[in-house]
Amino acid sequence: MTIPEVLRDKLGADGAEALAQLLNQSALSMQDATLSLAEERFERRLADELGKFRAEMWSAMGSLETRVTERMAGLETRLLRWAFAFWVGQFAVLLGILFAFFRT
């Protein structure tokens, strides 16, 4: 930072240098404070957004689980029907073979 000549004449070389260092340190501490504040706000907002995201994900997972459960129940019913039809068919074929075998 450069100090105007008028101020440098009033303060002297050492005083002007000390003022420049003070102003530089003040600017750095303001930058640090601003960055710290921005970082805190960012972290707070990030935590809020992550919380919302997690809630949405849990909600979506719950609805997905419900849909999968419903579809599995439907699939289970269909498989049970096919198994029943298969065993009835097998029983009918076995009865047919037994009737044919014992008729002769």
C-alpha atoms as a PDB file:
ATOM      1  CA  MET A   1       0.000   0.000   0.000  1.00  0.00           C
ATOM      2  CA  THR A   2       1.319   3.398  -0.898  1.00  0.00           C
ATOM      3  CA  ILE A   3       0.859   6.341   1.417  1.00  0.00           C
ATOM      4  CA  PRO A   4       0.377   9.806  -0.039  1.00  0.00           C
ATOM      5  CA  GLU A   5       3.376  12.115   0.129  1.00  0.00           C
ATOM      6  CA  VAL A   6       1.613  14.670   2.357  1.00  0.00           C
ATOM      7  CA  LEU A   7       0.835  12.047   4.979  1.00  0.00           C
ATOM      8  CA  ARG A   8       4.335  10.593   4.694  1.00  0.00           C
ATOM      9  CA  ASP A   9       5.815  14.054   5.382  1.00  0.00           C
ATOM     10  CA  LYS A  10       3.614  14.512   8.481  1.00  0.00           C
ATOM     11  CA  LEU A  11       4.215  11.015   9.903  1.00  0.00           C
ATOM     12  CA  GLY A  12       7.773  10.502   8.829  1.00  0.00           C
ATOM     13  CA  ALA A  13       9.158   7.433   7.099  1.00  0.00           C
ATOM     14  CA  ASP A  14       8.811   5.146  10.145  1.00  0.00           C
ATOM     15  CA  GLY A  15       5.294   6.371  10.946  1.00  0.00           C
ATOM     16  CA  ALA A  16       4.164   5.969   7.312  1.00  0.00           C
ATOM     17  CA  GLU A  17       5.579   2.432   7.220  1.00  0.00           C
ATOM     18  CA  ALA A  18       3.848   1.563  10.514  1.00  0.00           C
ATOM     19  CA  LEU A  19       0.554   2.974   9.194  1.00  0.00           C
ATOM     20  CA  ALA A  20       0.890   0.923   6.005  1.00  0.00           C
ATOM     21  CA  GLN A  21       1.526  -2.245   8.028  1.00  0.00           C
ATOM     22  CA  LEU A  22      -1.451  -1.475  10.274  1.00  0.00           C
ATOM     23  CA  LEU A  23      -3.738  -0.950   7.307  1.00  0.00           C
ATOM     24  CA  ASN A  24      -2.469  -4.131   5.610  1.00  0.00           C
ATOM     25  CA  GLN A  25      -3.011  -6.163   8.778  1.00  0.00           C
ATOM     26  CA  SER A  26      -6.479  -4.666   9.156  1.00  0.00           C
ATOM     27  CA  ALA A  27      -7.344  -5.577   5.568  1.00  0.00           C
ATOM     28  CA  LEU A  28      -6.062  -9.131   6.068  1.00  0.00           C
ATOM     29  CA  SER A  29      -8.047  -9.577   9.269  1.00  0.00           C
ATOM     30  CA  MET A  30     -11.166  -8.271   7.490  1.00  0.00           C
ATOM     31  CA  GLN A  31     -10.583 -10.737   4.667  1.00  0.00           C
ATOM     32  CA  ASP A  32     -10.162 -13.559   7.180  1.00  0.00           C
ATOM     33  CA  ALA A  33     -13.343 -12.533   8.997  1.00  0.00           C
ATOM     34  CA  THR A  34     -15.269 -12.304   5.726  1.00  0.00           C
ATOM     35  CA  LEU A  35     -14.007 -15.694   4.570  1.00  0.00           C
ATOM     36  CA  SER A  36     -14.819 -17.227   7.943  1.00  0.00           C
ATOM     37  CA  LEU A  37     -18.350 -15.825   7.829  1.00  0.00           C
ATOM     38  CA  ALA A  38     -18.851 -17.017   4.255  1.00  0.00           C
ATOM     39  CA  GLU A  39     -17.513 -20.448   5.188  1.00  0.00           C
ATOM     40  CA  GLU A  40     -19.887 -20.718   8.152  1.00  0.00           C
ATOM     41  CA  ARG A  41     -22.860 -19.672   6.014  1.00  0.00           C
ATOM     42  CA  PHE A  42     -21.865 -22.151   3.302  1.00  0.00           C
ATOM     43  CA  GLU A  43     -21.496 -24.993   5.796  1.00  0.00           C
ATOM     44  CA  ARG A  44     -24.858 -24.157   7.377  1.00  0.00           C
ATOM     45  CA  ARG A  45     -26.580 -24.050   4.012  1.00  0.00           C
ATOM     46  CA  LEU A  46     -24.850 -27.242   2.906  1.00  0.00           C
ATOM     47  CA  ALA A  47     -26.032 -28.994   6.075  1.00  0.00           C
ATOM     48  CA  ASP A  48     -29.600 -27.763   5.450  1.00  0.00           C
ATOM     49  CA  GLU A  49     -29.553 -28.910   1.834  1.00  0.00           C
ATOM     50  CA  LEU A  50     -28.101 -32.292   2.798  1.00  0.00           C
ATOM     51  CA  GLY A  51     -30.834 -32.673   5.397  1.00  0.00           C
ATOM     52  CA  LYS A  52     -33.493 -31.925   2.791  1.00  0.00           C
ATOM     53  CA  PHE A  53     -31.842 -34.303   0.335  1.00  0.00           C
ATOM     54  CA  ARG A  54     -31.728 -37.076   2.923  1.00  0.00           C
ATOM     55  CA  ALA A  55     -35.407 -36.546   3.759  1.00  0.00           C
ATOM     56  CA  GLU A  56     -36.319 -36.707   0.073  1.00  0.00           C
ATOM     57  CA  MET A  57     -34.228 -39.834  -0.405  1.00  0.00           C
ATOM     58  CA  TRP A  58     -35.836 -41.580   2.580  1.00  0.00           C
ATOM     59  CA  SER A  59     -39.258 -40.631   1.272  1.00  0.00           C
ATOM     60  CA  ALA A  60     -38.419 -41.947  -2.189  1.00  0.00           C
ATOM     61  CA  MET A  61     -36.960 -45.131  -0.713  1.00  0.00           C
ATOM     62  CA  GLY A  62     -40.131 -45.661   1.321  1.00  0.00           C
ATOM     63  CA  SER A  63     -42.375 -45.309  -1.711  1.00  0.00           C
ATOM     64  CA  LEU A  64     -40.052 -47.533  -3.730  1.00  0.00           C
ATOM     65  CA  GLU A  65     -40.136 -50.160  -0.999  1.00  0.00           C
ATOM     66  CA  THR A  66     -43.944 -50.022  -0.987  1.00  0.00           C
ATOM     67  CA  ARG A  67     -44.116 -50.449  -4.753  1.00  0.00           C
ATOM     68  CA  VAL A  68     -41.622 -53.330  -4.725  1.00  0.00           C
ATOM     69  CA  THR A  69     -43.550 -55.049  -1.927  1.00  0.00           C
ATOM     70  CA  GLU A  70     -46.801 -54.711  -3.845  1.00  0.00           C
ATOM     71  CA  ARG A  71     -45.265 -56.082  -7.028  1.00  0.00           C
ATOM     72  CA  MET A  72     -43.661 -58.971  -5.141  1.00  0.00           C
ATOM     73  CA  ALA A  73     -47.037 -59.843  -3.621  1.00  0.00           C
ATOM     74  CA  GLY A  74     -48.590 -59.869  -7.091  1.00  0.00           C
ATOM     75  CA  LEU A  75     -45.757 -61.995  -8.419  1.00  0.00           C
ATOM     76  CA  GLU A  76     -46.118 -64.380  -5.518  1.00  0.00           C
ATOM     77  CA  THR A  77     -49.817 -64.824  -6.293  1.00  0.00           C
ATOM     78  CA  ARG A  78     -49.146 -65.501  -9.966  1.00  0.00           C
ATOM     79  CA  LEU A  79     -46.413 -68.001  -9.162  1.00  0.00           C
ATOM     80  CA  LEU A  80     -48.706 -69.792  -6.748  1.00  0.00           C
ATOM     81  CA  ARG A  81     -51.401 -70.038  -9.453  1.00  0.00           C
ATOM     82  CA  TRP A  82     -48.908 -71.432 -11.982  1.00  0.00           C
ATOM     83  CA  ALA A  83     -47.582 -73.917  -9.444  1.00  0.00           C
ATOM     84  CA  PHE A  84     -51.112 -75.048  -8.650  1.00  0.00           C
ATOM     85  CA  ALA A  85     -51.907 -75.439 -12.365  1.00  0.00           C
ATOM     86  CA  PHE A  86     -48.672 -77.394 -12.854  1.00  0.00           C
ATOM     87  CA  TRP A  87     -49.386 -79.809  -9.996  1.00  0.00           C
ATOM     88  CA  VAL A  88     -53.009 -80.295 -11.084  1.00  0.00           C
ATOM     89  CA  GLY A  89     -51.731 -81.098 -14.572  1.00  0.00           C
ATOM     90  CA  GLN A  90     -49.147 -83.497 -13.205  1.00  0.00           C
ATOM     91  CA  PHE A  91     -51.769 -85.212 -11.074  1.00  0.00           C
ATOM     92  CA  ALA A  92     -54.117 -85.542 -14.068  1.00  0.00           C
ATOM     93  CA  VAL A  93     -51.354 -87.053 -16.220  1.00  0.00           C
ATOM     94  CA  LEU A  94     -50.391 -89.468 -13.436  1.00  0.00           C
ATOM     95  CA  LEU A  95     -54.025 -90.517 -13.008  1.00  0.00           C
ATOM     96  CA  GLY A  96     -54.314 -91.025 -16.762  1.00  0.00           C
ATOM     97  CA  ILE A  97     -51.212 -93.216 -16.798  1.00  0.00           C
ATOM     98  CA  LEU A  98     -52.445 -95.218 -13.807  1.00  0.00           C
ATOM     99  CA  PHE A  99     -55.902 -95.739 -15.379  1.00  0.00           C
ATOM    100  CA  ALA A 100     -54.301 -96.822 -18.640  1.00  0.00           C
ATOM    101  CA  PHE A 101     -51.928 -99.196 -16.826  1.00  0.00           C
ATOM    102  CA  PHE A 102     -54.554-100.845 -14.638  1.00  0.00           C
ATOM    103  CA  ARG A 103     -57.223-101.138 -17.396  1.00  0.00           C
ATOM    104  CA  THR A 104     -55.223-103.516 -19.426  1.00  0.00           C
END
